[in-house]
N, C-alpha and C. Protein backbone atom coordinates (compact mmCIF):
# COMPACT_ATOMS: atom_id res chain seq x y z
N MET A 1 -30.15 35.39 3.79
CA MET A 1 -30.25 34.73 2.77
C MET A 1 -31.77 34.05 3.25
N THR A 2 -32.45 33.25 2.22
CA THR A 2 -33.37 32.90 2.09
C THR A 2 -33.76 32.10 3.32
N ASP A 3 -34.92 32.56 3.90
CA ASP A 3 -35.29 31.13 4.74
C ASP A 3 -36.57 30.35 4.18
N VAL A 4 -36.46 29.34 4.28
CA VAL A 4 -37.26 28.33 3.42
C VAL A 4 -37.75 27.79 4.93
N SER A 5 -39.24 27.57 4.95
CA SER A 5 -39.54 27.34 6.14
C SER A 5 -39.68 25.98 6.00
N SER A 6 -40.12 25.45 5.06
CA SER A 6 -39.94 23.66 4.62
C SER A 6 -38.80 22.39 4.82
N SER A 7 -37.54 23.70 5.01
CA SER A 7 -36.05 23.30 5.16
C SER A 7 -35.32 23.45 6.09
N LEU A 8 -36.11 24.40 7.38
CA LEU A 8 -35.25 24.63 8.63
C LEU A 8 -35.56 22.94 9.43
N ALA A 9 -33.75 23.27 10.42
CA ALA A 9 -33.82 21.63 11.13
C ALA A 9 -35.15 21.14 11.94
N ILE A 10 -35.44 20.15 11.49
CA ILE A 10 -36.50 19.21 12.23
C ILE A 10 -36.06 18.70 13.67
N VAL A 11 -37.13 18.61 14.43
CA VAL A 11 -36.27 17.93 15.82
C VAL A 11 -37.10 16.69 15.83
N GLY A 12 -36.04 15.83 16.13
CA GLY A 12 -36.40 14.61 15.96
C GLY A 12 -37.05 13.85 17.69
N ASP A 13 -37.32 12.61 17.29
CA ASP A 13 -37.94 11.99 19.06
C ASP A 13 -36.85 11.80 19.57
N ASP A 14 -35.73 12.32 19.65
CA ASP A 14 -34.69 12.35 20.63
C ASP A 14 -34.67 13.88 20.94
N GLY A 15 -35.31 14.73 20.57
CA GLY A 15 -35.02 15.81 21.04
C GLY A 15 -34.07 16.80 20.59
N ARG A 16 -33.07 16.02 18.81
CA ARG A 16 -32.34 16.89 18.35
C ARG A 16 -32.41 17.17 17.45
N ALA A 17 -32.52 18.42 16.62
CA ALA A 17 -32.63 19.13 15.59
C ALA A 17 -32.00 18.73 14.53
N ARG A 18 -31.72 18.54 13.02
CA ARG A 18 -31.27 18.27 12.06
C ARG A 18 -31.83 18.86 10.94
N CYS A 19 -30.44 18.80 10.04
CA CYS A 19 -31.09 19.31 8.85
C CYS A 19 -32.41 18.24 7.99
N PRO A 20 -33.39 18.91 7.51
CA PRO A 20 -34.34 18.09 7.37
C PRO A 20 -34.06 16.62 6.23
N TRP A 21 -33.19 16.57 5.51
CA TRP A 21 -32.80 15.20 4.85
C TRP A 21 -32.08 14.11 5.94
N GLY A 22 -31.77 14.44 7.14
CA GLY A 22 -30.91 13.48 7.78
C GLY A 22 -31.86 13.48 9.10
N ALA A 23 -33.74 13.56 9.08
CA ALA A 23 -34.50 13.67 10.31
C ALA A 23 -34.96 12.35 10.05
N GLY A 24 -35.76 11.99 9.02
CA GLY A 24 -36.19 10.44 8.72
C GLY A 24 -35.81 9.31 8.82
N ASP A 25 -35.44 9.04 7.79
CA ASP A 25 -34.57 7.68 7.68
C ASP A 25 -33.82 7.70 8.39
N PRO A 26 -33.10 6.05 9.36
CA PRO A 26 -32.49 6.01 10.24
C PRO A 26 -31.16 5.45 9.60
N ASP A 27 -31.29 4.87 8.70
CA ASP A 27 -29.70 5.20 8.23
C ASP A 27 -29.18 6.64 7.32
N LEU A 28 -30.17 7.17 7.18
CA LEU A 28 -29.55 9.10 6.76
C LEU A 28 -29.45 9.90 8.29
N LEU A 29 -30.35 9.19 9.14
CA LEU A 29 -29.96 9.92 10.69
C LEU A 29 -28.31 9.61 10.89
N ARG A 30 -28.05 8.49 11.09
CA ARG A 30 -26.66 7.85 11.37
C ARG A 30 -25.41 8.81 10.51
N TYR A 31 -25.41 8.63 9.30
CA TYR A 31 -25.04 9.25 8.50
C TYR A 31 -24.37 10.68 8.80
N HIS A 32 -26.08 11.83 9.15
CA HIS A 32 -26.27 12.89 9.14
C HIS A 32 -25.36 12.94 10.70
N ASP A 33 -25.53 12.40 11.21
CA ASP A 33 -24.78 12.42 12.94
C ASP A 33 -23.47 12.25 13.09
N GLU A 34 -22.91 10.93 12.17
CA GLU A 34 -21.89 10.31 12.43
C GLU A 34 -20.62 10.89 11.23
N GLU A 35 -20.97 11.03 10.01
CA GLU A 35 -19.99 11.04 9.16
C GLU A 35 -20.22 12.94 8.37
N TRP A 36 -21.38 12.76 7.77
CA TRP A 36 -21.70 14.07 6.67
C TRP A 36 -21.21 15.64 7.66
N GLY A 37 -20.17 16.08 6.68
CA GLY A 37 -19.94 17.32 7.16
C GLY A 37 -18.35 16.87 8.59
N ALA A 38 -18.20 15.88 8.71
CA ALA A 38 -16.88 15.71 9.51
C ALA A 38 -15.88 15.74 8.63
N PRO A 39 -14.75 16.45 8.95
CA PRO A 39 -13.61 16.03 8.32
C PRO A 39 -13.35 14.85 8.07
N LEU A 40 -12.61 14.87 6.63
CA LEU A 40 -12.60 13.04 6.52
C LEU A 40 -10.91 13.34 5.38
N HIS A 41 -10.05 12.68 5.88
CA HIS A 41 -8.83 12.58 5.25
C HIS A 41 -8.33 11.33 5.23
N GLY A 42 -7.16 10.99 4.00
CA GLY A 42 -6.65 9.91 3.61
C GLY A 42 -6.55 9.72 2.56
N ASP A 43 -5.93 8.84 1.62
CA ASP A 43 -5.81 9.28 -0.32
C ASP A 43 -6.95 7.67 -0.10
N ARG A 44 -7.20 6.63 0.69
CA ARG A 44 -8.10 5.69 0.74
C ARG A 44 -9.42 6.07 1.12
N PRO A 45 -9.32 6.67 2.04
CA PRO A 45 -10.85 6.90 2.56
C PRO A 45 -11.29 8.09 1.51
N LEU A 46 -10.75 8.94 0.89
CA LEU A 46 -11.21 9.66 0.27
C LEU A 46 -10.99 9.31 -1.78
N PHE A 47 -10.38 8.15 -1.64
CA PHE A 47 -11.17 7.60 -2.85
C PHE A 47 -12.24 7.11 -3.24
N GLU A 48 -12.22 6.60 -1.81
CA GLU A 48 -13.86 5.57 -1.65
C GLU A 48 -14.92 6.58 -1.79
N LYS A 49 -14.80 7.65 -1.22
CA LYS A 49 -15.96 9.02 -1.18
C LYS A 49 -15.86 9.26 -2.73
N LEU A 50 -14.90 9.78 -3.27
CA LEU A 50 -14.32 9.92 -4.55
C LEU A 50 -16.15 8.93 -5.67
N SER A 51 -15.53 7.82 -5.03
CA SER A 51 -15.98 6.62 -6.17
C SER A 51 -17.49 6.44 -5.87
N LEU A 52 -18.29 6.44 -4.72
CA LEU A 52 -18.94 5.89 -4.14
C LEU A 52 -20.26 7.51 -4.75
N GLU A 53 -19.76 8.83 -4.33
CA GLU A 53 -20.31 10.06 -5.16
C GLU A 53 -20.60 10.03 -6.55
N GLY A 54 -19.22 9.28 -7.23
CA GLY A 54 -19.60 9.09 -8.98
C GLY A 54 -20.64 7.87 -8.66
N PHE A 55 -20.70 7.42 -8.35
CA PHE A 55 -22.18 6.40 -8.51
C PHE A 55 -23.24 6.85 -7.71
N GLN A 56 -23.40 7.82 -6.95
CA GLN A 56 -24.12 8.57 -6.56
C GLN A 56 -25.26 9.34 -7.72
N ALA A 57 -23.95 9.60 -8.47
CA ALA A 57 -24.69 10.71 -9.62
C ALA A 57 -26.29 10.52 -10.37
N GLY A 58 -27.01 11.26 -10.23
CA GLY A 58 -28.52 10.72 -10.73
C GLY A 58 -29.39 9.98 -10.30
N LEU A 59 -28.77 9.29 -8.50
CA LEU A 59 -29.67 8.88 -8.07
C LEU A 59 -29.52 9.19 -6.55
N SER A 60 -30.20 8.78 -5.66
CA SER A 60 -30.67 9.43 -4.16
C SER A 60 -29.18 8.95 -3.60
N TRP A 61 -28.77 9.65 -2.27
CA TRP A 61 -27.65 9.23 -1.28
C TRP A 61 -27.83 7.92 -0.47
N LEU A 62 -29.26 7.86 -0.01
CA LEU A 62 -30.09 6.48 0.46
C LEU A 62 -29.07 5.24 -0.64
N THR A 63 -29.84 5.55 -1.39
CA THR A 63 -29.61 3.88 -2.56
C THR A 63 -28.05 3.52 -2.26
N ILE A 64 -27.04 4.59 -2.39
CA ILE A 64 -25.64 4.42 -2.11
C ILE A 64 -25.28 3.94 -1.16
N LEU A 65 -25.83 4.46 0.38
CA LEU A 65 -25.53 4.28 1.35
C LEU A 65 -25.60 2.99 2.00
N ARG A 66 -27.04 2.74 1.13
CA ARG A 66 -27.61 1.12 1.78
C ARG A 66 -26.65 0.20 1.42
N ARG A 67 -26.55 0.09 0.08
CA ARG A 67 -25.05 -0.67 -0.51
C ARG A 67 -23.58 -0.19 -0.50
N ARG A 68 -23.22 0.68 0.84
CA ARG A 68 -22.09 0.81 0.97
C ARG A 68 -21.70 -0.44 1.38
N PRO A 69 -21.96 -1.37 2.00
CA PRO A 69 -21.10 -2.41 2.84
C PRO A 69 -20.58 -3.47 1.21
N HIS A 70 -21.50 -3.73 0.43
CA HIS A 70 -21.61 -3.91 -0.67
C HIS A 70 -20.41 -3.71 -1.74
N PHE A 71 -20.49 -2.35 -1.78
CA PHE A 71 -19.66 -1.60 -2.63
C PHE A 71 -18.30 -2.12 -1.51
N ARG A 72 -17.66 -1.67 -0.88
CA ARG A 72 -16.43 -1.56 -0.11
C ARG A 72 -15.98 -3.43 -0.24
N ASP A 73 -17.18 -4.42 -0.35
CA ASP A 73 -16.48 -6.07 -0.28
C ASP A 73 -16.16 -6.29 -1.96
N VAL A 74 -16.64 -5.93 -2.89
CA VAL A 74 -16.44 -6.06 -4.17
C VAL A 74 -15.70 -4.87 -4.80
N PHE A 75 -14.87 -4.03 -3.78
CA PHE A 75 -13.65 -3.14 -4.63
C PHE A 75 -13.16 -3.05 -3.71
N ALA A 76 -12.81 -4.54 -2.76
CA ALA A 76 -11.95 -4.46 -2.09
C ALA A 76 -10.87 -3.40 -0.97
N GLY A 77 -12.09 -2.92 -0.66
CA GLY A 77 -12.05 -2.07 0.48
C GLY A 77 -11.72 -0.59 -0.39
N PHE A 78 -11.89 -0.35 -1.54
CA PHE A 78 -11.14 0.69 -1.82
C PHE A 78 -9.68 1.05 -1.82
N GLU A 79 -8.79 -0.33 -1.82
CA GLU A 79 -7.37 0.10 -1.43
C GLU A 79 -6.95 0.42 -3.10
N LEU A 80 -6.29 1.52 -2.98
CA LEU A 80 -6.32 1.81 -4.82
C LEU A 80 -5.53 0.40 -5.46
N GLU A 81 -4.48 0.10 -5.43
CA GLU A 81 -3.31 -0.62 -5.61
C GLU A 81 -4.45 -2.19 -6.05
N ALA A 82 -5.41 -2.55 -5.41
CA ALA A 82 -6.81 -3.44 -5.72
C ALA A 82 -7.12 -2.99 -6.74
N VAL A 83 -8.10 -1.77 -6.60
CA VAL A 83 -9.01 -1.35 -7.46
C VAL A 83 -7.86 -1.07 -8.78
N ALA A 84 -7.29 -0.49 -9.11
CA ALA A 84 -6.21 -0.57 -10.08
C ALA A 84 -5.88 -1.58 -11.27
N ALA A 85 -6.13 -2.58 -10.40
CA ALA A 85 -5.89 -4.12 -10.87
C ALA A 85 -6.93 -4.58 -11.33
N MET A 86 -7.84 -4.19 -11.52
CA MET A 86 -8.79 -4.82 -12.10
C MET A 86 -9.30 -4.82 -13.71
N THR A 87 -9.57 -6.04 -13.77
CA THR A 87 -9.82 -6.10 -15.38
C THR A 87 -10.78 -5.92 -16.42
N ALA A 88 -11.10 -6.47 -17.55
CA ALA A 88 -12.32 -6.15 -18.12
C ALA A 88 -13.01 -7.57 -17.56
N ASP A 89 -12.20 -8.53 -17.31
CA ASP A 89 -13.11 -9.43 -16.58
C ASP A 89 -13.97 -9.26 -15.16
N ASP A 90 -13.06 -8.46 -14.60
CA ASP A 90 -13.84 -8.02 -13.25
C ASP A 90 -14.79 -7.00 -13.50
N VAL A 91 -14.53 -5.79 -14.56
CA VAL A 91 -15.86 -5.06 -14.75
C VAL A 91 -17.02 -6.06 -15.54
N GLU A 92 -17.19 -7.22 -16.02
CA GLU A 92 -18.19 -8.02 -16.31
C GLU A 92 -18.85 -8.25 -15.37
N ARG A 93 -17.97 -8.93 -14.12
CA ARG A 93 -18.59 -9.34 -13.21
C ARG A 93 -19.14 -8.91 -12.43
N LEU A 94 -18.84 -7.31 -12.00
CA LEU A 94 -19.67 -6.19 -11.58
C LEU A 94 -21.04 -5.68 -12.06
N LEU A 95 -20.52 -5.83 -13.40
CA LEU A 95 -22.27 -5.61 -14.23
C LEU A 95 -23.28 -6.72 -14.13
N GLY A 96 -22.81 -7.79 -13.66
CA GLY A 96 -23.95 -9.32 -13.31
C GLY A 96 -23.93 -8.92 -11.44
N ASP A 97 -23.26 -8.22 -10.72
CA ASP A 97 -24.05 -7.77 -9.38
C ASP A 97 -24.95 -7.00 -9.10
N PRO A 98 -26.33 -7.73 -8.70
CA PRO A 98 -27.37 -6.67 -8.24
C PRO A 98 -27.23 -5.79 -6.88
N GLY A 99 -26.06 -6.18 -6.25
CA GLY A 99 -25.81 -5.44 -5.12
C GLY A 99 -25.05 -4.14 -5.01
N ILE A 100 -24.18 -3.57 -6.27
CA ILE A 100 -23.84 -2.40 -6.63
C ILE A 100 -25.06 -1.47 -7.83
N ILE A 101 -24.33 -0.67 -8.28
CA ILE A 101 -25.15 0.43 -9.10
C ILE A 101 -24.40 -0.71 -10.58
N ARG A 102 -25.34 -1.21 -11.45
CA ARG A 102 -24.48 -1.90 -12.14
C ARG A 102 -24.40 -1.15 -13.69
N ASN A 103 -23.42 -0.04 -13.63
CA ASN A 103 -23.36 1.19 -14.64
C ASN A 103 -22.08 1.04 -15.07
N ARG A 104 -21.76 0.59 -16.53
CA ARG A 104 -20.35 0.35 -16.91
C ARG A 104 -19.62 1.51 -17.04
N ALA A 105 -20.06 2.25 -17.29
CA ALA A 105 -19.39 3.60 -17.05
C ALA A 105 -19.06 4.07 -15.71
N LYS A 106 -20.07 3.49 -14.99
CA LYS A 106 -19.22 4.49 -13.68
C LYS A 106 -18.39 3.40 -12.96
N ILE A 107 -18.69 1.81 -13.28
CA ILE A 107 -17.53 0.82 -13.24
C ILE A 107 -16.12 1.02 -13.38
N GLU A 108 -16.05 1.27 -14.67
CA GLU A 108 -15.10 1.21 -15.39
C GLU A 108 -14.42 3.06 -15.05
N ALA A 109 -14.76 3.79 -14.82
CA ALA A 109 -14.34 5.34 -14.01
C ALA A 109 -13.90 4.71 -12.67
N THR A 110 -14.58 4.28 -12.13
CA THR A 110 -13.93 3.95 -10.64
C THR A 110 -12.27 3.23 -10.91
N VAL A 111 -12.29 2.10 -11.76
CA VAL A 111 -11.41 1.40 -11.77
C VAL A 111 -10.22 2.48 -12.47
N GLY A 112 -10.47 3.42 -13.11
CA GLY A 112 -9.71 4.10 -13.65
C GLY A 112 -9.59 5.50 -12.88
N ASN A 113 -10.08 5.91 -12.20
CA ASN A 113 -9.89 7.03 -10.71
C ASN A 113 -8.79 5.78 -10.07
N ALA A 114 -8.77 4.76 -9.95
CA ALA A 114 -7.79 4.22 -8.75
C ALA A 114 -6.47 4.22 -9.44
N ARG A 115 -6.15 4.09 -11.09
CA ARG A 115 -4.84 4.03 -11.58
C ARG A 115 -4.67 5.87 -11.41
N ALA A 116 -5.38 6.87 -11.87
CA ALA A 116 -5.58 7.65 -11.86
C ALA A 116 -4.62 8.25 -10.37
N ALA A 117 -5.18 8.34 -9.54
CA ALA A 117 -5.03 8.37 -7.98
C ALA A 117 -3.49 7.75 -7.68
N LEU A 118 -3.34 6.48 -8.35
CA LEU A 118 -2.00 5.55 -8.04
C LEU A 118 -1.09 6.52 -8.85
N ALA A 119 -0.50 6.89 -9.80
CA ALA A 119 -0.11 7.77 -10.33
C ALA A 119 0.43 9.51 -10.16
N LEU A 120 -1.38 9.78 -9.37
CA LEU A 120 -0.85 10.82 -8.50
C LEU A 120 -0.04 10.75 -7.56
N LEU A 121 0.25 9.44 -6.42
CA LEU A 121 0.65 9.01 -5.50
C LEU A 121 2.08 8.73 -5.84
N GLU A 122 2.48 8.51 -6.73
CA GLU A 122 3.71 7.89 -7.43
C GLU A 122 4.57 8.88 -8.02
N ALA A 123 3.88 10.24 -8.00
CA ALA A 123 4.20 11.31 -8.26
C ALA A 123 4.93 12.16 -7.15
N GLU A 124 3.82 12.27 -6.71
CA GLU A 124 3.93 13.47 -5.69
C GLU A 124 4.12 12.57 -4.19
N GLY A 125 4.27 11.62 -3.60
CA GLY A 125 4.15 11.15 -2.63
C GLY A 125 3.08 10.31 -1.45
N ASP A 126 2.65 9.93 -0.57
CA ASP A 126 1.98 9.04 -0.14
C ASP A 126 0.90 10.31 0.71
N GLY A 127 -0.31 10.79 0.08
CA GLY A 127 -0.78 11.67 0.93
C GLY A 127 -1.32 12.98 -0.36
N ALA A 128 -0.80 12.24 -1.46
CA ALA A 128 -1.25 13.38 -2.41
C ALA A 128 -2.51 13.53 -3.21
N LEU A 129 -3.48 12.54 -3.01
CA LEU A 129 -4.99 12.96 -3.32
C LEU A 129 -5.43 13.72 -2.19
N ASP A 130 -5.62 13.44 -0.65
CA ASP A 130 -5.38 14.33 0.13
C ASP A 130 -5.08 15.47 -0.25
N ARG A 131 -3.98 15.57 -0.12
CA ARG A 131 -3.34 17.07 -0.40
C ARG A 131 -3.82 18.03 -1.38
N LEU A 132 -3.84 17.39 -2.89
CA LEU A 132 -4.92 17.75 -3.68
C LEU A 132 -6.10 18.20 -3.54
N MET A 133 -7.06 17.29 -2.90
CA MET A 133 -8.43 17.27 -2.96
C MET A 133 -8.68 18.55 -2.04
N TRP A 134 -8.25 18.83 -0.74
CA TRP A 134 -7.67 19.52 -0.03
C TRP A 134 -7.68 20.92 -0.06
N GLY A 135 -7.11 20.76 -0.94
CA GLY A 135 -6.56 22.33 -1.68
C GLY A 135 -7.62 23.13 -1.76
N PHE A 136 -8.43 22.66 -2.36
CA PHE A 136 -9.58 23.60 -2.69
C PHE A 136 -10.56 23.68 -1.36
N ALA A 137 -10.36 23.49 -0.64
CA ALA A 137 -11.08 23.68 0.57
C ALA A 137 -11.41 25.25 0.98
N PRO A 138 -12.82 25.32 0.85
CA PRO A 138 -12.51 27.08 0.92
C PRO A 138 -12.44 27.63 2.57
N PRO A 139 -12.12 28.46 3.01
CA PRO A 139 -11.95 29.24 4.19
C PRO A 139 -13.06 29.15 5.10
N PRO A 140 -13.09 28.44 6.61
CA PRO A 140 -14.17 28.19 6.93
C PRO A 140 -15.25 29.36 6.80
N ARG A 141 -16.80 29.39 6.82
CA ARG A 141 -17.29 30.32 6.88
C ARG A 141 -17.92 31.06 8.43
N GLN A 142 -17.92 31.96 8.19
CA GLN A 142 -18.28 32.44 9.63
C GLN A 142 -20.04 32.07 10.06
N ALA A 143 -19.98 32.22 10.81
CA ALA A 143 -21.24 31.57 11.98
C ALA A 143 -22.35 32.69 11.05
N HIS A 144 -22.49 33.70 10.55
CA HIS A 144 -23.55 34.31 9.74
C HIS A 144 -24.13 33.88 8.80
N GLU A 145 -22.99 33.38 8.24
CA GLU A 145 -23.03 32.36 6.75
C GLU A 145 -23.40 31.33 6.43
N ARG A 146 -23.49 30.70 8.04
CA ARG A 146 -24.34 29.59 7.72
C ARG A 146 -25.71 29.30 7.18
N PRO A 147 -26.11 28.64 6.37
CA PRO A 147 -27.26 27.90 5.41
C PRO A 147 -28.61 27.96 6.40
N HIS A 148 -29.52 28.68 6.15
CA HIS A 148 -30.86 28.78 7.44
C HIS A 148 -31.46 27.47 6.51
N GLY A 149 -31.60 27.15 5.39
CA GLY A 149 -32.32 26.48 5.33
C GLY A 149 -31.70 25.51 3.45
N LEU A 150 -32.27 24.43 3.27
CA LEU A 150 -31.77 24.35 2.02
C LEU A 150 -31.94 24.62 0.74
N GLY A 151 -32.62 25.41 0.83
CA GLY A 151 -32.72 26.80 -0.10
C GLY A 151 -31.48 27.36 -0.31
N ASP A 152 -30.84 27.60 0.62
CA ASP A 152 -29.90 28.70 0.82
C ASP A 152 -28.19 27.96 0.51
N ILE A 153 -28.62 26.41 0.18
CA ILE A 153 -27.20 25.61 -0.53
C ILE A 153 -27.28 25.46 -1.72
N PRO A 154 -25.79 26.07 -2.01
CA PRO A 154 -25.26 25.93 -3.88
C PRO A 154 -25.21 24.78 -4.58
N ALA A 155 -25.68 24.11 -5.59
CA ALA A 155 -24.98 22.79 -6.23
C ALA A 155 -23.74 22.99 -6.85
N THR A 156 -23.22 23.98 -7.12
CA THR A 156 -21.85 24.30 -7.28
C THR A 156 -21.23 25.52 -6.85
N THR A 157 -19.77 25.46 -6.66
CA THR A 157 -19.29 26.65 -5.97
C THR A 157 -17.73 26.80 -6.92
N PRO A 158 -17.30 28.28 -7.08
CA PRO A 158 -16.05 28.13 -7.70
C PRO A 158 -14.84 26.89 -7.15
N GLU A 159 -14.84 26.61 -6.18
CA GLU A 159 -13.80 25.90 -5.36
C GLU A 159 -14.47 24.29 -6.08
N SER A 160 -15.91 24.42 -6.48
CA SER A 160 -16.21 22.49 -6.77
C SER A 160 -15.92 22.46 -8.14
N LEU A 161 -16.26 23.68 -8.83
CA LEU A 161 -15.49 23.77 -10.18
C LEU A 161 -14.22 23.47 -10.38
N ALA A 162 -13.51 24.11 -9.48
CA ALA A 162 -11.99 24.02 -9.89
C ALA A 162 -11.43 22.87 -9.50
N MET A 163 -12.09 22.00 -8.61
CA MET A 163 -11.79 20.73 -7.91
C MET A 163 -12.14 19.66 -9.17
N SER A 164 -13.13 19.83 -9.64
CA SER A 164 -13.49 18.84 -11.22
C SER A 164 -12.72 19.50 -12.28
N LYS A 165 -12.25 20.78 -12.48
CA LYS A 165 -11.38 20.69 -13.68
C LYS A 165 -9.78 20.00 -13.58
N GLU A 166 -9.31 20.65 -12.25
CA GLU A 166 -8.07 19.75 -12.20
C GLU A 166 -7.81 18.58 -11.79
N LEU A 167 -9.06 17.50 -11.40
CA LEU A 167 -9.20 16.44 -11.43
C LEU A 167 -9.34 15.32 -12.82
N LYS A 168 -10.07 16.52 -13.67
CA LYS A 168 -10.37 15.78 -15.00
C LYS A 168 -8.84 15.90 -15.93
N ARG A 169 -8.48 16.96 -15.38
CA ARG A 169 -6.99 17.14 -15.97
C ARG A 169 -6.05 15.64 -15.42
N ARG A 170 -6.14 15.38 -14.69
CA ARG A 170 -5.32 14.47 -13.92
C ARG A 170 -5.47 13.12 -14.47
N GLY A 171 -6.91 12.97 -15.06
CA GLY A 171 -7.60 11.61 -15.37
C GLY A 171 -8.67 11.00 -14.95
N PHE A 172 -9.28 11.84 -14.13
CA PHE A 172 -10.33 11.22 -13.04
C PHE A 172 -11.35 11.32 -14.43
N HIS A 173 -12.82 10.57 -13.73
CA HIS A 173 -13.75 10.68 -14.52
C HIS A 173 -15.29 10.60 -13.20
N PHE A 174 -16.26 10.78 -13.90
CA PHE A 174 -16.97 11.52 -13.28
C PHE A 174 -16.73 12.13 -11.90
N VAL A 175 -16.72 13.36 -11.91
CA VAL A 175 -15.94 14.34 -11.40
C VAL A 175 -16.43 15.77 -11.55
N GLY A 176 -17.64 15.33 -12.09
CA GLY A 176 -18.10 16.96 -12.43
C GLY A 176 -18.41 17.59 -10.99
N PRO A 177 -18.24 19.28 -11.23
CA PRO A 177 -18.30 19.80 -10.17
C PRO A 177 -20.09 20.41 -9.09
N THR A 178 -20.93 19.62 -9.95
CA THR A 178 -22.02 19.12 -8.25
C THR A 178 -21.45 17.97 -7.98
N THR A 179 -21.14 16.74 -8.21
CA THR A 179 -20.27 15.85 -7.38
C THR A 179 -19.58 16.04 -6.86
N MET A 180 -18.63 17.40 -6.89
CA MET A 180 -17.52 17.16 -6.49
C MET A 180 -17.89 18.20 -4.66
N TYR A 181 -18.96 18.73 -5.07
CA TYR A 181 -19.57 20.12 -4.03
C TYR A 181 -20.12 18.96 -3.34
N ALA A 182 -21.10 17.61 -3.65
CA ALA A 182 -21.56 17.02 -2.51
C ALA A 182 -20.29 16.20 -1.43
N LEU A 183 -19.18 15.89 -2.56
CA LEU A 183 -17.94 15.60 -1.51
C LEU A 183 -17.40 16.55 -0.90
N MET A 184 -17.59 17.97 -1.51
CA MET A 184 -16.77 18.74 -0.10
C MET A 184 -17.76 18.67 0.91
N GLN A 185 -19.28 18.69 1.09
CA GLN A 185 -19.75 18.64 2.04
C GLN A 185 -19.78 17.26 2.79
N SER A 186 -19.78 16.17 2.01
CA SER A 186 -19.90 15.23 3.01
C SER A 186 -18.69 14.43 3.61
N THR A 187 -17.26 15.22 2.80
CA THR A 187 -15.70 14.97 3.50
C THR A 187 -15.79 16.71 4.78
N GLY A 188 -16.57 16.95 4.95
CA GLY A 188 -15.98 18.14 6.08
C GLY A 188 -15.84 19.67 5.02
N MET A 189 -15.33 19.29 3.54
CA MET A 189 -14.46 20.18 3.63
C MET A 189 -15.46 21.39 3.47
N VAL A 190 -16.70 21.63 3.16
CA VAL A 190 -17.76 22.89 3.73
C VAL A 190 -18.64 22.26 4.44
N ASP A 191 -19.24 22.80 5.42
CA ASP A 191 -20.10 22.75 6.61
C ASP A 191 -21.40 23.16 6.26
N ASP A 192 -22.19 22.10 5.58
CA ASP A 192 -23.49 22.86 4.99
C ASP A 192 -24.57 22.65 5.75
N HIS A 193 -24.27 21.98 7.23
CA HIS A 193 -25.38 21.70 8.17
C HIS A 193 -25.91 23.00 8.43
N ILE A 194 -27.08 23.15 8.14
CA ILE A 194 -28.00 24.21 8.51
C ILE A 194 -28.17 25.12 10.29
N VAL A 195 -28.18 25.85 10.31
CA VAL A 195 -29.39 26.82 11.59
C VAL A 195 -29.74 26.02 11.91
N GLY A 196 -29.66 25.98 13.34
CA GLY A 196 -30.33 24.87 14.09
C GLY A 196 -30.22 23.44 14.14
N CYS A 197 -29.28 23.24 13.66
CA CYS A 197 -29.11 21.80 13.29
C CYS A 197 -27.64 21.52 14.38
N HIS A 198 -28.19 20.42 15.24
CA HIS A 198 -27.30 19.98 16.32
C HIS A 198 -25.24 19.61 15.89
N ARG A 199 -25.37 19.52 14.63
CA ARG A 199 -24.25 19.44 14.13
C ARG A 199 -23.63 20.36 13.50
N ALA A 200 -24.25 21.78 13.68
CA ALA A 200 -23.75 23.14 13.18
C ALA A 200 -23.09 23.61 14.53
N GLU A 201 -21.56 23.69 13.75
CA GLU A 201 -20.69 24.08 15.06
C GLU A 201 -20.91 25.44 15.33
């Protein structure tokens, strides 16, 4: 693996070493320590993550993280039935809400994705979205395969490409392979905490 010195774990004021992206801003530090890379299950939680990762495309995750409470408010806690029932009037209302990302395509994709997820659950039962997405998780990597720095972490993998393709086939949008790899990292389907990070297993 390439050892990128500028990307090695950074020791914080609390004496803990972290991935560089999670070692500065307090909101990112909490997210890094408490959520990123921890296994996340459940149709609703995974739909929320899918939605927020879609909104993040082209933006920083910190922008989404700081707006996440408001996203949850306006999207009814990302309950599938409530989001799927949103109308064109709801989309217009959300386009005027400065507390979220006011992008029509992303808002409409979130509503459409809720409908696609509901169709999946109706066809295959509760937990179907969880089973589908986790079905693309690769085998846990060996300790010697853990990334040493951010330069060792890919933007896409065969698994994220396959997940993207299958979700698109099922009617989901804003689920490109790069976005899906970010989702796999954040939900613990892959563990990309770097060597030396206190969260690395």
